[in-house]
Protein backbone atom coordinates (compact mmCIF):
# COMPACT_ATOMS: atom_id res chain seq x y z
CA MET A 1 -80.02 32.41 -25.23
CA ASN A 2 -76.28 32.76 -25.67
CA LEU A 3 -74.27 30.08 -23.85
CA VAL A 4 -71.03 32.05 -23.85
CA SER A 5 -72.59 35.13 -22.23
CA ILE A 6 -74.43 33.03 -19.63
CA LEU A 7 -71.24 31.23 -18.61
CA GLU A 8 -69.28 34.48 -18.48
CA LYS A 9 -71.95 35.92 -16.20
CA ALA A 10 -71.95 32.83 -14.00
CA THR A 11 -68.18 32.69 -13.59
CA ALA A 12 -67.93 36.37 -12.77
CA SER A 13 -69.99 36.31 -9.57
CA PRO A 14 -72.29 33.96 -7.61
CA HIS A 15 -76.10 33.99 -7.50
CA ASP A 16 -76.46 35.91 -10.76
CA LEU A 17 -78.10 33.28 -12.96
CA ASN A 18 -81.87 33.62 -13.31
CA ASP A 19 -84.30 30.71 -13.56
CA SER A 20 -84.44 30.77 -17.36
CA GLU A 21 -80.66 30.66 -17.61
CA LEU A 22 -80.41 27.77 -15.16
CA GLY A 23 -83.06 25.86 -17.11
CA PHE A 24 -81.14 26.54 -20.32
CA LEU A 25 -77.95 25.07 -18.82
CA LEU A 26 -79.77 22.00 -17.52
CA ARG A 27 -81.12 21.30 -21.02
CA LEU A 28 -77.69 21.35 -22.72
CA ASN A 29 -76.93 18.14 -24.59
CA SER A 30 -74.32 18.59 -27.31
CA LYS A 31 -70.69 17.72 -26.54
CA GLY A 32 -69.46 21.22 -27.31
CA GLU A 33 -72.00 22.82 -25.00
CA LEU A 34 -71.29 20.35 -22.21
CA ASP A 35 -67.55 20.88 -22.56
CA ALA A 36 -68.10 24.62 -22.18
CA LEU A 37 -70.30 24.08 -19.10
CA GLN A 38 -67.72 21.77 -17.55
CA LYS A 39 -64.87 24.20 -18.21
CA ALA A 40 -66.76 27.12 -16.68
CA ALA A 41 -67.72 25.16 -13.55
CA TYR A 42 -64.16 23.91 -13.10
CA THR A 43 -62.82 27.43 -13.46
CA VAL A 44 -65.01 28.59 -10.58
CA LYS A 45 -64.04 25.59 -8.47
CA GLU A 46 -60.35 26.17 -9.13
CA ARG A 47 -60.68 29.83 -8.14
CA HIS A 48 -62.33 29.17 -4.79
CA ILE A 49 -60.96 25.77 -3.79
CA GLY A 50 -58.06 24.96 -6.08
CA ARG A 51 -57.32 21.60 -7.66
CA ARG A 52 -57.84 19.93 -4.31
CA VAL A 53 -60.17 17.20 -3.13
CA SER A 54 -61.32 16.67 0.46
CA MET A 55 -61.89 13.10 1.62
CA ARG A 56 -64.58 12.02 4.08
CA GLY A 57 -64.42 8.42 5.26
CA VAL A 58 -68.00 7.14 5.56
CA ILE A 59 -68.97 4.74 8.35
CA GLU A 60 -72.42 3.25 7.76
CA PHE A 61 -72.89 2.06 11.32
CA GLY A 62 -76.48 0.83 11.18
CA ASN A 63 -79.32 0.17 8.76
CA TYR A 64 -82.29 0.17 11.11
CA CYS A 65 -84.61 2.98 10.03
CA SER A 66 -87.91 4.36 11.25
CA LYS A 67 -88.62 5.96 7.87
CA ASN A 68 -90.38 4.22 5.00
CA CYS A 69 -89.32 6.41 2.07
CA TYR A 70 -90.54 5.03 -1.25
CA TYR A 71 -87.12 5.26 -2.95
CA CYS A 72 -84.80 3.85 -0.26
CA GLY A 73 -83.57 0.27 -0.05
CA ILE A 74 -83.28 0.27 3.76
CA ARG A 75 -86.79 1.64 4.26
CA SER A 76 -88.54 0.21 7.31
CA GLY A 77 -91.05 -1.60 5.10
CA ASN A 78 -88.39 -3.65 3.30
CA SER A 79 -88.49 -6.98 5.13
CA GLY A 80 -85.76 -8.38 2.87
CA VAL A 81 -83.03 -6.31 4.51
CA LYS A 82 -80.66 -7.97 6.96
CA ARG A 83 -80.56 -5.37 9.72
CA TYR A 84 -77.40 -4.57 11.66
CA GLN A 85 -76.04 -2.15 14.25
CA ILE A 86 -72.27 -1.89 14.63
CA ALA A 87 -70.98 -1.82 18.20
CA ARG A 88 -69.40 1.33 19.61
CA ASP A 89 -65.90 -0.12 19.87
CA ASP A 90 -66.01 -1.32 16.26
CA ILE A 91 -67.14 2.11 15.06
CA LEU A 92 -64.26 3.67 16.98
CA ARG A 93 -61.85 1.16 15.46
CA MET A 94 -62.99 2.13 11.93
CA ALA A 95 -62.80 5.82 12.79
CA LYS A 96 -59.32 5.40 14.27
CA TRP A 97 -58.16 3.60 11.12
CA ALA A 98 -59.46 6.50 9.02
CA PHE A 99 -57.66 8.98 11.31
CA GLU A 100 -54.38 7.06 11.06
CA GLN A 101 -54.75 6.93 7.27
CA LYS A 102 -54.86 10.76 7.19
CA TYR A 103 -58.56 11.14 6.50
CA GLY A 104 -59.20 14.62 7.84
CA SER A 105 -62.91 13.89 8.37
CA ILE A 106 -65.37 11.06 8.67
CA VAL A 107 -69.12 10.80 8.12
CA LEU A 108 -71.21 8.84 10.61
CA GLN A 109 -74.27 7.64 8.74
CA SER A 110 -77.17 5.34 9.58
CA GLY A 111 -80.85 4.88 9.11
CA GLU A 112 -82.99 7.38 11.00
CA ILE A 113 -83.72 6.47 14.61
CA LYS A 114 -85.32 8.85 17.10
CA SER A 115 -84.84 7.54 20.63
CA GLN A 116 -82.94 8.44 23.78
CA GLU A 117 -80.97 5.22 23.43
CA ASN A 118 -79.81 6.18 19.94
CA THR A 119 -79.05 9.75 20.99
CA ASP A 120 -76.88 8.50 23.86
CA PHE A 121 -75.19 5.90 21.64
CA VAL A 122 -74.14 8.55 19.13
CA LEU A 123 -72.97 10.81 21.96
CA ASP A 124 -70.81 7.99 23.29
CA VAL A 125 -69.29 7.42 19.86
CA LEU A 126 -68.61 11.14 19.38
CA GLN A 127 -66.91 11.39 22.75
CA GLY A 128 -64.79 8.33 21.95
CA ILE A 129 -63.66 9.82 18.64
CA LYS A 130 -62.85 13.14 20.28
CA GLU A 131 -60.80 11.33 22.93
CA PHE A 132 -58.59 9.21 20.65
CA SER A 133 -58.07 11.97 18.06
CA GLY A 134 -57.62 14.85 20.48
CA GLY A 135 -60.45 16.58 18.63
CA GLU A 136 -58.45 16.53 15.39
CA LEU A 137 -60.75 14.27 13.35
CA GLY A 138 -63.57 16.18 11.68
CA ILE A 139 -67.04 14.66 12.09
CA THR A 140 -70.06 14.95 9.82
CA LEU A 141 -73.34 13.38 10.87
CA CYS A 142 -76.00 12.06 8.51
CA LEU A 143 -78.64 10.72 10.89
CA GLY A 144 -81.88 12.20 9.64
CA GLU A 145 -84.54 14.28 11.35
CA GLN A 146 -84.04 14.80 15.08
CA GLU A 147 -85.24 17.18 17.77
CA PRO A 148 -83.29 20.45 18.18
CA GLU A 149 -81.95 19.40 21.60
CA VAL A 150 -80.51 16.22 20.05
CA TYR A 151 -78.72 18.20 17.37
CA GLU A 152 -77.42 20.53 20.09
CA ALA A 153 -76.10 17.65 22.22
CA TRP A 154 -74.29 16.11 19.26
CA ARG A 155 -72.86 19.50 18.28
CA SER A 156 -71.53 20.02 21.81
CA ALA A 157 -69.98 16.53 21.73
CA GLY A 158 -67.87 17.34 18.70
CA ALA A 159 -69.89 16.98 15.49
CA HIS A 160 -69.50 20.06 13.32
CA ARG A 161 -71.17 19.20 10.02
CA TYR A 162 -74.61 17.75 9.33
CA LEU A 163 -76.02 16.46 6.06
CA LEU A 164 -79.81 16.37 5.71
CA ARG A 165 -81.00 16.10 2.15
CA ILE A 166 -84.24 17.82 1.24
CA GLU A 167 -84.52 15.34 -1.73
CA THR A 168 -86.80 17.75 -3.63
CA THR A 169 -88.23 21.18 -2.89
CA ASN A 170 -91.39 20.47 -4.88
CA ARG A 171 -93.89 19.69 -2.12
CA GLU A 172 -96.14 17.66 -4.40
CA LEU A 173 -93.23 15.53 -5.61
CA TYR A 174 -91.97 15.21 -2.02
CA GLY A 175 -95.35 13.78 -1.10
CA LYS A 176 -95.16 11.23 -3.93
CA ILE A 177 -91.82 9.81 -2.83
CA HIS A 178 -92.65 9.65 0.89
CA PRO A 179 -95.49 8.13 2.94
CA PRO A 180 -98.18 10.47 4.31
CA ASP A 181 -96.55 10.64 7.75
CA HIS A 182 -93.43 12.29 6.29
CA ASP A 183 -93.68 16.07 6.52
CA PHE A 184 -91.76 18.50 4.30
CA ASP A 185 -92.15 21.23 6.92
CA VAL A 186 -90.53 19.03 9.58
CA ARG A 187 -87.54 18.51 7.29
CA MET A 188 -87.27 22.26 6.77
CA ALA A 189 -87.52 22.90 10.52
CA CYS A 190 -84.65 20.48 11.10
CA LEU A 191 -82.46 22.31 8.58
CA ARG A 192 -83.22 25.62 10.29
CA SER A 193 -82.33 24.13 13.70
CA LEU A 194 -78.99 22.94 12.35
CA LYS A 195 -78.25 26.41 11.02
CA LYS A 196 -78.96 28.00 14.40
CA LEU A 197 -76.60 25.57 16.12
CA ASP A 198 -73.63 26.62 13.99
CA TYR A 199 -73.29 23.36 12.10
CA GLN A 200 -71.88 23.45 8.63
CA VAL A 201 -75.16 22.49 7.01
CA GLY A 202 -75.36 20.27 3.97
CA THR A 203 -78.38 19.28 1.97
CA GLY A 204 -79.11 17.98 -1.50
CA ILE A 205 -81.61 16.48 -3.86
CA MET A 206 -82.06 13.49 -6.14
CA SER A 207 -82.00 14.44 -9.81
CA GLY A 208 -83.94 12.44 -12.35
CA LEU A 209 -86.79 11.39 -10.06
CA PRO A 210 -89.90 10.05 -11.82
CA GLY A 211 -92.16 13.01 -12.53
CA GLN A 212 -89.45 15.60 -11.84
CA THR A 213 -89.09 18.51 -14.28
CA VAL A 214 -86.24 20.85 -15.18
CA GLU A 215 -88.26 23.60 -13.49
CA ASP A 216 -88.24 21.54 -10.28
CA LEU A 217 -84.46 21.27 -10.43
CA VAL A 218 -84.13 25.00 -11.02
CA GLN A 219 -86.14 25.65 -7.87
CA ASP A 220 -83.94 23.17 -5.99
CA LEU A 221 -80.90 25.19 -7.04
CA ARG A 222 -82.66 28.38 -6.02
CA PHE A 223 -83.37 26.85 -2.60
CA PHE A 224 -79.65 26.21 -2.07
CA VAL A 225 -79.04 29.93 -2.53
CA GLU A 226 -81.94 31.10 -0.40
CA PHE A 227 -81.11 28.73 2.45
CA ASP A 228 -77.45 29.72 2.24
CA ILE A 229 -76.18 26.14 2.41
CA ASP A 230 -72.54 25.28 3.12
CA MET A 231 -72.25 21.92 1.39
CA LEU A 232 -74.07 19.78 -1.12
CA GLY A 233 -74.47 16.00 -1.21
CA MET A 234 -76.74 15.37 -4.17
CA GLY A 235 -76.82 12.71 -6.83
CA PRO A 236 -78.87 10.98 -9.50
CA TYR A 237 -81.87 8.92 -8.50
CA LEU A 238 -81.15 5.19 -8.73
CA PRO A 239 -83.90 2.61 -8.28
CA HIS A 240 -84.07 -0.25 -5.80
CA GLU A 241 -86.36 -3.10 -6.78
CA ALA A 242 -87.65 -3.54 -3.21
CA THR A 243 -89.16 -0.04 -3.14
CA PRO A 244 -92.47 1.30 -4.49
CA LEU A 245 -90.64 3.84 -6.65
CA GLY A 246 -88.14 1.36 -8.03
CA GLN A 247 -90.39 -1.52 -9.03
CA GLY A 248 -90.10 -2.28 -12.73
CA ARG A 249 -87.34 0.27 -13.31
CA LYS A 250 -84.16 -1.10 -14.82
CA LEU A 251 -80.63 0.30 -15.00
CA ASP A 252 -80.28 0.00 -18.77
CA ASN A 253 -77.68 1.99 -20.70
CA GLU A 254 -80.09 4.71 -21.76
CA PHE A 255 -81.20 5.27 -18.17
CA ARG A 256 -77.60 5.29 -16.93
CA GLN A 257 -76.47 7.84 -19.49
CA ARG A 258 -79.44 10.12 -18.89
CA GLN A 259 -79.10 10.05 -15.10
CA LEU A 260 -75.33 10.53 -15.17
CA LEU A 261 -75.53 13.51 -17.50
CA LEU A 262 -78.24 15.19 -15.43
CA GLY A 263 -76.27 14.59 -12.22
CA LEU A 264 -73.17 16.17 -13.74
CA LYS A 265 -75.12 19.16 -15.03
CA MET A 266 -76.58 19.72 -11.57
CA ILE A 267 -73.09 19.73 -10.04
CA ALA A 268 -71.91 22.25 -12.64
CA CYS A 269 -74.95 24.50 -12.19
CA ALA A 270 -74.60 24.38 -8.41
CA ARG A 271 -70.95 25.37 -8.68
CA LEU A 272 -71.72 28.22 -11.08
CA LEU A 273 -74.53 29.47 -8.87
CA LEU A 274 -72.96 29.03 -5.42
CA HIS A 275 -69.21 29.30 -6.14
CA ASP A 276 -67.60 28.53 -2.76
CA VAL A 277 -69.61 25.68 -1.19
CA ASN A 278 -68.37 22.11 -0.78
CA ILE A 279 -69.90 19.78 -3.38
CA ALA A 280 -69.57 16.00 -3.21
CA ALA A 281 -69.08 13.71 -6.18
CA THR A 282 -71.32 10.98 -4.81
CA THR A 283 -70.98 7.22 -5.09
CA ALA A 284 -74.16 7.14 -7.19
CA LEU A 285 -72.20 8.70 -10.06
CA GLN A 286 -69.80 5.75 -10.04
CA ALA A 287 -72.75 3.35 -9.92
CA LEU A 288 -73.80 4.80 -13.28
CA ASN A 289 -70.33 4.93 -14.83
CA ASP A 290 -67.02 3.52 -13.64
CA THR A 291 -65.41 6.96 -13.85
CA GLY A 292 -68.50 8.82 -12.64
CA ARG A 293 -66.86 10.32 -9.58
CA GLU A 294 -63.91 11.57 -11.61
CA LYS A 295 -66.38 13.18 -14.01
CA GLY A 296 -68.06 14.80 -11.00
CA LEU A 297 -64.75 16.37 -9.98
CA ARG A 298 -64.25 17.73 -13.48
CA PHE A 299 -67.75 19.26 -13.42
CA GLY A 300 -67.03 21.18 -10.22
CA ALA A 301 -67.24 18.82 -7.22
CA ASN A 302 -64.47 18.90 -4.61
CA VAL A 303 -65.40 16.23 -2.03
CA LEU A 304 -65.23 12.43 -2.17
CA MET A 305 -66.68 10.11 0.44
CA PRO A 306 -65.03 6.67 0.31
CA ASN A 307 -66.53 3.90 2.41
CA VAL A 308 -64.48 2.86 5.42
CA THR A 309 -67.12 0.52 6.84
CA ASP A 310 -66.08 -3.11 7.27
CA THR A 311 -66.99 -5.10 4.14
CA LEU A 312 -69.06 -7.44 6.35
CA TYR A 313 -71.79 -4.78 6.50
CA ARG A 314 -71.62 -2.99 3.16
CA GLY A 315 -73.95 -5.30 1.26
CA ASP A 316 -76.70 -4.59 3.78
CA TYR A 317 -76.57 -0.81 3.38
CA LEU A 318 -77.98 -0.56 -0.12
CA LEU A 319 -80.05 2.58 -0.62
CA TYR A 320 -80.12 1.76 -4.35
CA GLU A 321 -79.03 -1.06 -6.63
CA GLY A 322 -75.62 -1.24 -8.25
CA LYS A 323 -73.71 0.41 -5.41
CA PRO A 324 -69.97 0.07 -6.15
CA CYS A 325 -67.05 -0.94 -3.91
CA LEU A 326 -68.97 -3.47 -1.81
CA ASP A 327 -66.15 -6.02 -1.84
CA GLU A 328 -63.17 -3.66 -1.55
CA ASN A 329 -61.80 -3.24 1.95
CA SER A 330 -61.05 0.22 3.30
CA ALA A 331 -57.38 0.14 2.34
CA GLN A 332 -58.26 -0.90 -1.23
CA CYS A 333 -60.87 1.88 -1.46
CA ARG A 334 -58.33 4.44 -0.27
CA GLU A 335 -55.73 3.34 -2.79
CA CYS A 336 -58.23 3.11 -5.67
CA LEU A 337 -59.67 6.56 -5.04
CA SER A 338 -56.21 8.05 -4.66
CA HIS A 339 -55.32 6.83 -8.14
CA ARG A 340 -58.63 8.05 -9.52
CA VAL A 341 -58.15 11.52 -8.07
CA HIS A 342 -54.59 11.83 -9.32
CA SER A 343 -55.74 10.81 -12.80
CA THR A 344 -57.78 14.02 -12.91
CA GLY A 345 -54.80 16.20 -12.01
CA GLU A 346 -56.17 16.95 -8.55
CA THR A 347 -54.47 16.68 -5.15
CA ILE A 348 -55.99 15.06 -2.07
CA ARG A 349 -56.10 17.14 1.10
CA TRP A 350 -54.95 14.41 3.49
CA GLY A 351 -55.22 15.24 7.17
CA GLU A 352 -57.40 18.32 6.65
CA TRP A 353 -60.99 18.92 7.72
CA GLY A 354 -61.73 20.53 4.38
CA ASP A 355 -64.25 22.99 5.78
CA SER A 356 -66.62 24.72 3.42
CA PRO A 357 -65.05 27.99 2.22
CA HIS A 358 -68.55 29.42 2.20
CA PHE A 359 -69.09 28.58 5.87
CA LEU A 360 -65.74 30.10 6.85
CA ARG A 361 -66.38 33.24 4.81
CA VAL A 362 -69.80 33.84 6.36
CA LYS A 363 -68.60 33.00 9.88
CA ASN A 364 -65.61 35.33 9.63
CA GLY A 365 -67.70 38.12 8.12
């Protein structure tokens, strides 16, 4: 295959790469080839989004979880986790700080809980945010699988984006990283419900999972096209020693380099395939390399999600080992990321929702 012709094809229009071409791009390894891939992905990003980065302040408001996923550090079966639930007024205080600091949007994230009490709690928080911000603060939810009526209630209360990662579209692999009571079809049904309710729908996968192939990743990318997603929050798999999947796996240099490179190639391929969606440079990239998030921006990402949770809680929300920025307070995180973004030549979109161009294009016809 000819790299130059593939990249020319990919930059010209979305959805044109076939499976063989995507697999070819994901197998690139030489510096020259990777530089060409990065340049092409950045060109597409610049065309559709500009040299601009949207910021989402993440509030991890609770680590209780009903799920027992084999890769996750806050899985219900991990008895070593100190569980917490942040009070409503404290969540609103963190959200108000983010609003005053010109974060256009926040992400409310927690472990997955399905109960009327949790539904009402989130509704109360959403209404509080809407009240103090006059509806000006954008809200993304990342609260797992819920019933359609719960999604609808939260949408009506002011949430307008929802992130629900599929993790992998290979059903067999999905079954290996989840307990038997976790159902791929339920996850898919939730994504379809979110679409019907006019959320900006985000999903994503973990790249570099044990047993995952390049062909699996190609099908993940194909799924993003077929499902017509608006935003992507995907990143490299990182182990946690207190999980079945992470036992005995170490973050040595070889592992770090391999996972980082694959994560960056997935961002670039997603940008070349989808063109105008929002793509996050996730914290996992920085866990692998100090400048991992900046690299993500250069490979085509356009969203950063700094943590604005009080430092008191951050060490207890560890989905994987090596998570960065646990000791930096919210103001320090804001300043640090601002410098990091400016070092790439990008501009931060302070005070803007940063909606997905794809979502707006489809909605406006």
